[in-house]
């Protein structure tokens, strides 16, 4: 099973510039993300996220689920069409129920467009990705600018990623961001639906 462990922090342009200066070489990824659900919001009720994202022109489809330990199951595949991607995601280990739910139809609920500066870094005996994101969340015909910092474990132990993120937060006075991008974008579209994950 794919598993995601990451920590998110609020930021501003000044903070992103300071972190970028300290950590050196980052690579740039232009992200255009669309989030989907069934008309009855079946994925929302299960706290699943289904997205189609263009990453520097490459389409990546992803499903995420909430795991009992608070981390997330995550499966992704490079497919141009979301419906074609779902059987592939299930073969990779995503819940088989996803196929049945998607058969009822899918609709876009919200979106995000942002530029990510990313760097792979050592953290103890592990490896993390440090990501600096700047862009807009889109929902209900409105846009909300955002800036944030993410630390995602790529290999190794959760504790190493947590220690790296906590040290970064202390140095740059970062405030944890408890809500995911899709939560905040959904709040723009419908303030009654904020319990999403990404």
Protein backbone atom coordinates (compact mmCIF):
# COMPACT_ATOMS: atom_id res chain seq x y z
CA UNK A 1 0.00 0.00 0.00
CA UNK A 2 1.17 3.54 -0.70
CA UNK A 3 1.45 5.66 2.42
CA UNK A 4 1.94 9.41 2.80
CA UNK A 5 3.37 11.13 5.86
CA UNK A 6 3.73 14.89 5.59
CA UNK A 7 3.57 18.06 7.65
CA UNK A 8 2.23 21.38 6.38
CA UNK A 9 2.91 24.93 7.55
CA UNK A 10 1.51 28.35 6.72
CA UNK A 11 3.97 30.74 5.09
CA UNK A 12 4.29 33.99 3.18
CA UNK A 13 6.54 35.10 0.28
CA UNK A 14 9.25 36.32 2.67
CA UNK A 15 9.44 32.98 4.47
CA UNK A 16 9.53 31.01 1.22
CA UNK A 17 12.37 33.19 -0.06
CA UNK A 18 14.37 32.73 3.16
CA UNK A 19 13.99 28.94 3.11
CA UNK A 20 14.89 28.80 -0.56
CA UNK A 21 18.04 30.83 0.06
CA UNK A 22 19.15 28.57 2.89
CA UNK A 23 18.50 25.21 1.22
CA UNK A 24 19.88 25.97 -2.22
CA UNK A 25 18.83 24.10 -5.34
CA UNK A 26 15.13 23.41 -5.83
CA UNK A 27 13.37 22.13 -8.93
CA UNK A 28 10.17 23.81 -10.11
CA UNK A 29 6.88 22.04 -10.76
CA UNK A 30 3.83 23.85 -12.15
CA UNK A 31 0.75 22.22 -10.64
CA UNK A 32 -2.85 22.40 -11.86
CA UNK A 33 -5.08 20.26 -9.66
CA UNK A 34 -8.76 19.37 -9.99
CA UNK A 35 -10.57 17.54 -7.18
CA UNK A 36 -13.51 15.22 -7.86
CA UNK A 37 -16.35 13.54 -6.00
CA UNK A 38 -19.60 11.76 -6.81
CA UNK A 39 -22.79 13.86 -7.02
CA UNK A 40 -23.77 12.51 -3.57
CA UNK A 41 -20.32 13.29 -2.11
CA UNK A 42 -19.62 9.63 -1.35
CA UNK A 43 -15.85 10.21 -1.27
CA UNK A 44 -16.26 13.14 1.12
CA UNK A 45 -18.18 10.97 3.59
CA UNK A 46 -15.35 8.41 3.54
CA UNK A 47 -12.72 11.16 3.85
CA UNK A 48 -11.18 10.12 0.55
CA UNK A 49 -9.67 12.52 -1.97
CA UNK A 50 -9.64 11.93 -5.72
CA UNK A 51 -7.65 14.32 -7.87
CA UNK A 52 -6.30 14.84 -11.36
CA UNK A 53 -3.16 16.96 -11.44
CA UNK A 54 -1.02 18.30 -14.24
CA UNK A 55 2.62 18.39 -13.11
CA UNK A 56 4.73 20.28 -15.65
CA UNK A 57 2.34 19.04 -18.32
CA UNK A 58 2.23 15.41 -17.13
CA UNK A 59 -1.13 14.14 -15.90
CA UNK A 60 -1.09 12.28 -12.57
CA UNK A 61 -4.27 10.82 -11.04
CA UNK A 62 -4.28 10.14 -7.30
CA UNK A 63 -6.57 8.79 -4.61
CA UNK A 64 -5.92 9.29 -0.89
CA UNK A 65 -7.60 7.69 2.10
CA UNK A 66 -7.34 8.31 5.82
CA UNK A 67 -5.46 5.61 7.78
CA UNK A 68 -6.04 4.74 11.45
CA UNK A 69 -2.66 6.17 12.53
CA UNK A 70 -3.50 9.59 11.08
CA UNK A 71 -1.34 9.20 7.99
CA UNK A 72 -2.84 8.58 4.55
CA UNK A 73 -3.00 5.84 2.03
CA UNK A 74 -1.93 7.23 -1.34
CA UNK A 75 -1.91 5.67 -4.79
CA UNK A 76 -1.16 7.43 -8.08
CA UNK A 77 -0.73 6.71 -11.76
CA UNK A 78 0.14 8.69 -14.86
CA UNK A 79 -3.11 8.58 -16.84
CA UNK A 80 -4.71 11.32 -18.92
CA UNK A 81 -8.27 10.28 -18.09
CA UNK A 82 -9.48 9.98 -14.50
CA UNK A 83 -12.02 7.23 -15.20
CA UNK A 84 -9.34 5.20 -16.97
CA UNK A 85 -7.03 5.75 -14.02
CA UNK A 86 -9.42 4.36 -11.39
CA UNK A 87 -9.02 0.64 -12.32
CA UNK A 88 -5.25 1.15 -12.33
CA UNK A 89 -5.38 2.81 -8.90
CA UNK A 90 -7.40 -0.12 -7.54
CA UNK A 91 -4.88 -2.61 -8.93
CA UNK A 92 -2.16 -0.66 -7.15
CA UNK A 93 -4.00 -1.14 -3.85
CA UNK A 94 -6.59 1.64 -3.59
CA UNK A 95 -9.96 0.50 -2.17
CA UNK A 96 -11.93 -1.55 -4.69
CA UNK A 97 -15.03 0.37 -3.63
CA UNK A 98 -13.67 3.35 -5.55
CA UNK A 99 -14.65 1.73 -8.86
CA UNK A 100 -18.24 1.21 -7.76
CA UNK A 101 -18.58 4.74 -6.44
CA UNK A 102 -17.06 6.29 -9.56
CA UNK A 103 -19.57 4.40 -11.72
CA UNK A 104 -22.24 6.73 -10.31
CA UNK A 105 -20.45 9.61 -12.01
CA UNK A 106 -17.83 12.12 -10.97
CA UNK A 107 -17.86 15.91 -10.91
CA UNK A 108 -15.22 18.50 -10.17
CA UNK A 109 -15.70 20.10 -6.76
CA UNK A 110 -12.80 22.56 -6.55
CA UNK A 111 -9.25 23.14 -7.80
CA UNK A 112 -5.83 24.62 -7.11
CA UNK A 113 -3.10 26.14 -9.25
CA UNK A 114 0.34 26.65 -7.80
CA UNK A 115 4.07 26.51 -8.35
CA UNK A 116 6.02 24.09 -6.18
CA UNK A 117 9.73 24.42 -5.50
CA UNK A 118 10.92 21.03 -4.25
CA UNK A 119 14.17 19.64 -2.92
CA UNK A 120 15.10 16.17 -1.71
CA UNK A 121 17.02 16.42 1.57
CA UNK A 122 18.52 14.08 4.19
CA UNK A 123 16.76 13.96 7.55
CA UNK A 124 18.56 11.80 10.07
CA UNK A 125 18.78 8.41 8.37
CA UNK A 126 15.80 9.22 6.17
CA UNK A 127 14.99 11.35 3.12
CA UNK A 128 12.36 14.06 2.93
CA UNK A 129 11.03 16.36 0.25
CA UNK A 130 10.92 20.01 1.24
CA UNK A 131 8.27 21.78 -0.86
CA UNK A 132 7.56 25.50 -1.08
CA UNK A 133 4.12 26.14 -2.60
CA UNK A 134 2.66 29.40 -3.87
CA UNK A 135 -0.57 29.79 -5.82
CA UNK A 136 -4.36 30.00 -5.59
CA UNK A 137 -7.15 27.76 -4.36
CA UNK A 138 -10.29 27.79 -6.52
CA UNK A 139 -13.86 27.05 -5.50
CA UNK A 140 -17.32 28.43 -6.16
CA UNK A 141 -15.99 30.85 -8.75
CA UNK A 142 -13.62 32.42 -6.19
CA UNK A 143 -9.85 32.30 -5.73
CA UNK A 144 -7.82 32.42 -2.53
CA UNK A 145 -4.02 33.02 -2.65
CA UNK A 146 -1.88 30.77 -0.48
CA UNK A 147 1.74 30.15 0.50
CA UNK A 148 2.82 27.06 2.40
CA UNK A 149 5.69 24.77 3.30
CA UNK A 150 5.43 20.98 3.21
CA UNK A 151 7.81 18.34 4.54
CA UNK A 152 7.01 14.86 3.16
CA UNK A 153 8.75 11.63 4.11
CA UNK A 154 10.14 9.92 1.02
CA UNK A 155 12.04 7.07 2.68
CA UNK A 156 12.83 6.09 6.23
CA UNK A 157 11.12 6.85 9.53
CA UNK A 158 8.26 9.20 10.42
CA UNK A 159 10.26 10.46 13.39
CA UNK A 160 13.07 11.75 11.18
CA UNK A 161 10.62 13.71 9.03
CA UNK A 162 8.89 15.06 12.12
CA UNK A 163 12.19 16.17 13.67
CA UNK A 164 13.26 17.88 10.42
CA UNK A 165 9.90 19.67 10.14
CA UNK A 166 9.91 20.78 13.76
CA UNK A 167 13.43 22.18 13.46
CA UNK A 168 12.43 24.03 10.28
CA UNK A 169 9.34 25.40 11.99
CA UNK A 170 11.37 26.69 14.94
CA UNK A 171 13.99 28.33 12.74
CA UNK A 172 11.52 30.09 10.45
CA UNK A 173 8.69 30.59 12.97
CA UNK A 174 6.27 28.48 10.94
CA UNK A 175 2.70 27.92 12.06
CA UNK A 176 1.16 24.48 11.36
CA UNK A 177 -1.45 24.42 8.60
CA UNK A 178 -4.13 22.01 9.85
CA UNK A 179 -6.25 22.15 6.70
CA UNK A 180 -5.29 20.62 3.38
CA UNK A 181 -5.53 22.41 0.06
CA UNK A 182 -8.73 20.58 -0.83
CA UNK A 183 -10.30 21.46 2.53
CA UNK A 184 -9.61 25.14 1.96
CA UNK A 185 -10.70 25.04 -1.68
CA UNK A 186 -13.93 23.26 -0.70
CA UNK A 187 -14.55 25.94 1.91
CA UNK A 188 -14.59 28.45 -0.91
CA UNK A 189 -17.10 26.36 -2.84
CA UNK A 190 -19.21 25.28 0.10
CA UNK A 191 -18.43 26.22 3.69
CA UNK A 192 -20.39 23.21 4.88
CA UNK A 193 -17.89 20.74 3.39
CA UNK A 194 -14.52 21.26 5.02
CA UNK A 195 -13.57 17.77 6.23
CA UNK A 196 -11.52 16.78 3.22
CA UNK A 197 -7.94 15.47 3.08
CA UNK A 198 -5.21 15.80 0.33
